[in-house]
Amino acid sequence: MLLAWLGFLTSWTYLRFYRITPSLSGTSTSEGSTIRGDASDTFAFAYFFPDAIHAPVAALSDAVYSLMVALRICSPFSAEDIESSNEQASARDQDGLPSLLNAGRGGRGSGRREEAERRRALALRALDQRLTSAPPRPAQVIASTEASQLAETTLDLEPETIQSRATT
């Protein structure tokens, strides 16, 4: 049991404070588009426990967090980090498996899905326009002439021709 708790605490500490993930809100691949750890409110240590003991666990975990920051084991989260992590958590919630708490609410992520579908349709339309307006390449011309020659080829299946071919 001790090893299970130690593994849980180690993995949660890594995911909460040290794991580097790309930001969903950033569009570039620069250094500013990464997030260190998961500062979202829903990933706080107290949320792994029942609601009745959230307050005491939150007080204890806040004290441990302050000690870790004072010892420079981890760096404190800024308000921007927390907001960005909360946005990513809500994006995961919308795109991932439905949770029991959100089962009654419908259409939460439909705006993003509609935007993605609209962009996909625009890209397909642009690709179709490029393909129809592009002049045929030499390989396409050769393939189309070979196809037309094959279509014009007829097979002579007269009984005399078949017998003469069978004897030779």
C-alpha atoms as a PDB file:
ATOM      1  CA  MET A   1       0.000   0.000   0.000  1.00  0.00           C
ATOM      2  CA  LEU A   2       2.908   2.318   0.802  1.00  0.00           C
ATOM      3  CA  LEU A   3       4.408   1.815  -2.668  1.00  0.00           C
ATOM      4  CA  ALA A   4       1.051   2.575  -4.314  1.00  0.00           C
ATOM      5  CA  TRP A   5       0.715   5.879  -2.425  1.00  0.00           C
ATOM      6  CA  LEU A   6       4.339   6.777  -3.130  1.00  0.00           C
ATOM      7  CA  GLY A   7       3.839   6.080  -6.838  1.00  0.00           C
ATOM      8  CA  PHE A   8       0.653   8.160  -6.887  1.00  0.00           C
ATOM      9  CA  LEU A   9       2.292  11.116  -5.132  1.00  0.00           C
ATOM     10  CA  THR A  10       5.377  10.958  -7.361  1.00  0.00           C
ATOM     11  CA  SER A  11       3.399  10.808 -10.586  1.00  0.00           C
ATOM     12  CA  TRP A  12       0.970  13.533  -9.471  1.00  0.00           C
ATOM     13  CA  THR A  13       3.878  15.802  -8.469  1.00  0.00           C
ATOM     14  CA  TYR A  14       5.505  15.313 -11.852  1.00  0.00           C
ATOM     15  CA  LEU A  15       2.291  15.984 -13.763  1.00  0.00           C
ATOM     16  CA  ARG A  16       1.335  18.974 -11.584  1.00  0.00           C
ATOM     17  CA  PHE A  17       4.669  20.807 -11.500  1.00  0.00           C
ATOM     18  CA  TYR A  18       7.231  19.512 -14.010  1.00  0.00           C
ATOM     19  CA  ARG A  19       5.637  18.048 -17.164  1.00  0.00           C
ATOM     20  CA  ILE A  20       6.062  20.319 -20.206  1.00  0.00           C
ATOM     21  CA  THR A  21       3.103  20.386 -22.609  1.00  0.00           C
ATOM     22  CA  PRO A  22       2.329  22.541 -25.645  1.00  0.00           C
ATOM     23  CA  SER A  23      -0.248  25.240 -25.117  1.00  0.00           C
ATOM     24  CA  LEU A  24      -3.536  24.798 -26.943  1.00  0.00           C
ATOM     25  CA  SER A  25      -4.020  28.545 -27.173  1.00  0.00           C
ATOM     26  CA  GLY A  26      -0.655  29.254 -28.833  1.00  0.00           C
ATOM     27  CA  THR A  27      -0.413  28.957 -32.604  1.00  0.00           C
ATOM     28  CA  SER A  28       3.351  29.084 -32.956  1.00  0.00           C
ATOM     29  CA  THR A  29       5.983  26.613 -31.883  1.00  0.00           C
ATOM     30  CA  SER A  30       8.003  29.130 -29.922  1.00  0.00           C
ATOM     31  CA  GLU A  31       9.036  28.677 -26.309  1.00  0.00           C
ATOM     32  CA  GLY A  32       6.108  30.795 -25.127  1.00  0.00           C
ATOM     33  CA  SER A  33       3.641  28.182 -26.329  1.00  0.00           C
ATOM     34  CA  THR A  34       4.539  25.558 -23.724  1.00  0.00           C
ATOM     35  CA  ILE A  35       3.149  25.107 -20.250  1.00  0.00           C
ATOM     36  CA  ARG A  36       5.108  23.672 -17.353  1.00  0.00           C
ATOM     37  CA  GLY A  37       2.907  21.454 -15.216  1.00  0.00           C
ATOM     38  CA  ASP A  38      -0.864  21.454 -14.875  1.00  0.00           C
ATOM     39  CA  ALA A  39      -2.013  24.379 -12.750  1.00  0.00           C
ATOM     40  CA  SER A  40      -5.709  23.794 -13.387  1.00  0.00           C
ATOM     41  CA  ASP A  41      -8.049  23.953 -10.423  1.00  0.00           C
ATOM     42  CA  THR A  42      -9.443  20.506 -11.159  1.00  0.00           C
ATOM     43  CA  PHE A  43      -6.011  18.870 -10.893  1.00  0.00           C
ATOM     44  CA  ALA A  44      -5.377  20.178  -7.372  1.00  0.00           C
ATOM     45  CA  PHE A  45      -4.517  17.466  -4.859  1.00  0.00           C
ATOM     46  CA  ALA A  46      -7.688  18.037  -2.817  1.00  0.00           C
ATOM     47  CA  TYR A  47      -9.892  17.101  -5.782  1.00  0.00           C
ATOM     48  CA  PHE A  48      -8.776  13.474  -5.497  1.00  0.00           C
ATOM     49  CA  PHE A  49     -10.663  13.216  -2.199  1.00  0.00           C
ATOM     50  CA  PRO A  50     -14.371  13.394  -1.307  1.00  0.00           C
ATOM     51  CA  ASP A  51     -15.984  16.836  -0.942  1.00  0.00           C
ATOM     52  CA  ALA A  52     -16.338  16.422   2.820  1.00  0.00           C
ATOM     53  CA  ILE A  53     -12.556  16.502   3.368  1.00  0.00           C
ATOM     54  CA  HIS A  54     -11.578  18.983   0.629  1.00  0.00           C
ATOM     55  CA  ALA A  55     -10.895  21.800   3.109  1.00  0.00           C
ATOM     56  CA  PRO A  56      -8.432  19.945   5.399  1.00  0.00           C
ATOM     57  CA  VAL A  57      -6.631  18.278   2.472  1.00  0.00           C
ATOM     58  CA  ALA A  58      -6.431  21.624   0.622  1.00  0.00           C
ATOM     59  CA  ALA A  59      -4.946  23.312   3.702  1.00  0.00           C
ATOM     60  CA  LEU A  60      -2.350  20.563   4.100  1.00  0.00           C
ATOM     61  CA  SER A  61      -1.463  20.511   0.404  1.00  0.00           C
ATOM     62  CA  ASP A  62      -1.176  24.330   0.327  1.00  0.00           C
ATOM     63  CA  ALA A  63       1.288  24.142   3.233  1.00  0.00           C
ATOM     64  CA  VAL A  64       3.360  21.495   1.420  1.00  0.00           C
ATOM     65  CA  TYR A  65       3.237  23.592  -1.778  1.00  0.00           C
ATOM     66  CA  SER A  66       4.461  26.696   0.093  1.00  0.00           C
ATOM     67  CA  LEU A  67       7.301  24.646   1.582  1.00  0.00           C
ATOM     68  CA  MET A  68       8.267  23.305  -1.868  1.00  0.00           C
ATOM     69  CA  VAL A  69       8.292  26.848  -3.298  1.00  0.00           C
ATOM     70  CA  ALA A  70      10.367  28.118  -0.348  1.00  0.00           C
ATOM     71  CA  LEU A  71      12.901  25.302  -0.857  1.00  0.00           C
ATOM     72  CA  ARG A  72      12.909  26.066  -4.625  1.00  0.00           C
ATOM     73  CA  ILE A  73      11.874  22.531  -5.477  1.00  0.00           C
ATOM     74  CA  CYS A  74       9.149  23.923  -7.722  1.00  0.00           C
ATOM     75  CA  SER A  75       8.260  27.345  -9.031  1.00  0.00           C
ATOM     76  CA  PRO A  76       4.985  29.068  -8.147  1.00  0.00           C
ATOM     77  CA  PHE A  77       2.197  29.250 -10.724  1.00  0.00           C
ATOM     78  CA  SER A  78       1.275  32.656 -12.103  1.00  0.00           C
ATOM     79  CA  ALA A  79      -2.329  33.686 -12.684  1.00  0.00           C
ATOM     80  CA  GLU A  80      -1.719  33.285 -16.440  1.00  0.00           C
ATOM     81  CA  ASP A  81      -0.491  29.703 -15.930  1.00  0.00           C
ATOM     82  CA  ILE A  82      -3.582  28.845 -13.923  1.00  0.00           C
ATOM     83  CA  GLU A  83      -5.926  30.385 -16.502  1.00  0.00           C
ATOM     84  CA  SER A  84      -4.170  28.649 -19.390  1.00  0.00           C
ATOM     85  CA  SER A  85      -4.297  25.292 -17.601  1.00  0.00           C
ATOM     86  CA  ASN A  86      -7.986  25.796 -16.815  1.00  0.00           C
ATOM     87  CA  GLU A  87      -8.615  26.467 -20.527  1.00  0.00           C
ATOM     88  CA  GLN A  88      -6.784  23.281 -21.474  1.00  0.00           C
ATOM     89  CA  ALA A  89      -8.715  21.307 -18.861  1.00  0.00           C
ATOM     90  CA  SER A  90     -12.027  22.576 -20.226  1.00  0.00           C
ATOM     91  CA  ALA A  91     -10.879  21.738 -23.784  1.00  0.00           C
ATOM     92  CA  ARG A  92     -10.015  18.206 -22.656  1.00  0.00           C
ATOM     93  CA  ASP A  93     -13.405  17.971 -20.956  1.00  0.00           C
ATOM     94  CA  GLN A  94     -15.238  19.085 -24.099  1.00  0.00           C
ATOM     95  CA  ASP A  95     -13.322  16.852 -26.500  1.00  0.00           C
ATOM     96  CA  GLY A  96     -12.802  13.847 -24.282  1.00  0.00           C
ATOM     97  CA  LEU A  97     -15.154  11.406 -22.653  1.00  0.00           C
ATOM     98  CA  PRO A  98     -18.340  12.909 -21.211  1.00  0.00           C
ATOM     99  CA  SER A  99     -18.259  13.242 -17.469  1.00  0.00           C
ATOM    100  CA  LEU A 100     -21.188  12.596 -15.163  1.00  0.00           C
ATOM    101  CA  LEU A 101     -21.250  16.219 -14.004  1.00  0.00           C
ATOM    102  CA  ASN A 102     -21.644  17.582 -17.543  1.00  0.00           C
ATOM    103  CA  ALA A 103     -24.151  15.011 -18.795  1.00  0.00           C
ATOM    104  CA  GLY A 104     -27.071  17.398 -18.352  1.00  0.00           C
ATOM    105  CA  ARG A 105     -25.443  20.261 -20.245  1.00  0.00           C
ATOM    106  CA  GLY A 106     -25.576  20.024 -24.001  1.00  0.00           C
ATOM    107  CA  GLY A 107     -23.735  21.892 -26.708  1.00  0.00           C
ATOM    108  CA  ARG A 108     -20.790  23.126 -24.639  1.00  0.00           C
ATOM    109  CA  GLY A 109     -18.147  22.507 -27.280  1.00  0.00           C
ATOM    110  CA  SER A 110     -20.287  22.878 -30.375  1.00  0.00           C
ATOM    111  CA  GLY A 111     -18.757  26.253 -31.323  1.00  0.00           C
ATOM    112  CA  ARG A 112     -15.291  24.770 -31.724  1.00  0.00           C
ATOM    113  CA  ARG A 113     -16.607  21.783 -33.628  1.00  0.00           C
ATOM    114  CA  GLU A 114     -18.594  23.997 -35.993  1.00  0.00           C
ATOM    115  CA  GLU A 115     -15.515  26.140 -36.613  1.00  0.00           C
ATOM    116  CA  ALA A 116     -13.424  23.036 -37.344  1.00  0.00           C
ATOM    117  CA  GLU A 117     -16.074  21.713 -39.737  1.00  0.00           C
ATOM    118  CA  ARG A 118     -16.261  25.090 -41.498  1.00  0.00           C
ATOM    119  CA  ARG A 119     -12.475  25.187 -41.924  1.00  0.00           C
ATOM    120  CA  ARG A 120     -12.454  21.602 -43.175  1.00  0.00           C
ATOM    121  CA  ALA A 121     -15.125  22.410 -45.776  1.00  0.00           C
ATOM    122  CA  LEU A 122     -13.176  25.484 -46.930  1.00  0.00           C
ATOM    123  CA  ALA A 123      -9.981  23.452 -47.272  1.00  0.00           C
ATOM    124  CA  LEU A 124     -11.756  20.751 -49.284  1.00  0.00           C
ATOM    125  CA  ARG A 125     -13.321  23.363 -51.560  1.00  0.00           C
ATOM    126  CA  ALA A 126      -9.918  25.024 -52.138  1.00  0.00           C
ATOM    127  CA  LEU A 127      -8.289  21.648 -52.856  1.00  0.00           C
ATOM    128  CA  ASP A 128     -11.047  20.743 -55.301  1.00  0.00           C
ATOM    129  CA  GLN A 129     -10.604  24.074 -57.102  1.00  0.00           C
ATOM    130  CA  ARG A 130      -6.844  23.522 -57.376  1.00  0.00           C
ATOM    131  CA  LEU A 131      -7.286  20.028 -58.752  1.00  0.00           C
ATOM    132  CA  THR A 132      -9.847  21.055 -61.362  1.00  0.00           C
ATOM    133  CA  SER A 133      -7.944  24.138 -62.530  1.00  0.00           C
ATOM    134  CA  ALA A 134      -4.498  22.502 -62.707  1.00  0.00           C
ATOM    135  CA  PRO A 135      -3.323  21.493 -66.199  1.00  0.00           C
ATOM    136  CA  PRO A 136      -2.849  17.720 -66.615  1.00  0.00           C
ATOM    137  CA  ARG A 137       0.668  16.498 -66.005  1.00  0.00           C
ATOM    138  CA  PRO A 138       2.467  14.367 -68.633  1.00  0.00           C
ATOM    139  CA  ALA A 139       1.960  11.182 -66.627  1.00  0.00           C
ATOM    140  CA  GLN A 140      -1.771  11.862 -66.513  1.00  0.00           C
ATOM    141  CA  VAL A 141      -1.863  12.442 -70.287  1.00  0.00           C
ATOM    142  CA  ILE A 142      -0.040   9.163 -70.969  1.00  0.00           C
ATOM    143  CA  ALA A 143      -2.289   7.279 -68.580  1.00  0.00           C
ATOM    144  CA  SER A 144      -5.420   8.734 -70.171  1.00  0.00           C
ATOM    145  CA  THR A 145      -4.259   7.841 -73.723  1.00  0.00           C
ATOM    146  CA  GLU A 146      -3.402   4.294 -72.623  1.00  0.00           C
ATOM    147  CA  ALA A 147      -6.820   4.024 -71.001  1.00  0.00           C
ATOM    148  CA  SER A 148      -8.535   5.217 -74.189  1.00  0.00           C
ATOM    149  CA  GLN A 149      -6.518   2.723 -76.269  1.00  0.00           C
ATOM    150  CA  LEU A 150      -7.513  -0.072 -73.915  1.00  0.00           C
ATOM    151  CA  ALA A 151     -11.118   0.995 -74.129  1.00  0.00           C
ATOM    152  CA  GLU A 152     -10.954   0.879 -77.950  1.00  0.00           C
ATOM    153  CA  THR A 153      -9.367  -2.590 -78.045  1.00  0.00           C
ATOM    154  CA  THR A 154     -11.840  -5.276 -78.950  1.00  0.00           C
ATOM    155  CA  LEU A 155     -11.526  -8.968 -78.470  1.00  0.00           C
ATOM    156  CA  ASP A 156     -12.259 -11.141 -81.495  1.00  0.00           C
ATOM    157  CA  LEU A 157     -14.041 -14.196 -80.162  1.00  0.00           C
ATOM    158  CA  GLU A 158     -15.034 -15.830 -83.445  1.00  0.00           C
ATOM    159  CA  PRO A 159     -14.962 -19.648 -83.178  1.00  0.00           C
ATOM    160  CA  GLU A 160     -12.553 -19.996 -86.108  1.00  0.00           C
ATOM    161  CA  THR A 161     -10.083 -17.543 -84.522  1.00  0.00           C
ATOM    162  CA  ILE A 162     -10.183 -19.298 -81.184  1.00  0.00           C
ATOM    163  CA  GLN A 163      -9.566 -22.713 -82.813  1.00  0.00           C
ATOM    164  CA  SER A 164      -6.694 -21.422 -84.929  1.00  0.00           C
ATOM    165  CA  ARG A 165      -5.072 -19.864 -81.903  1.00  0.00           C
ATOM    166  CA  ALA A 166      -5.533 -23.045 -79.865  1.00  0.00           C
ATOM    167  CA  THR A 167      -3.801 -25.148 -82.483  1.00  0.00           C
ATOM    168  CA  THR A 168      -0.751 -22.897 -82.722  1.00  0.00           C
END
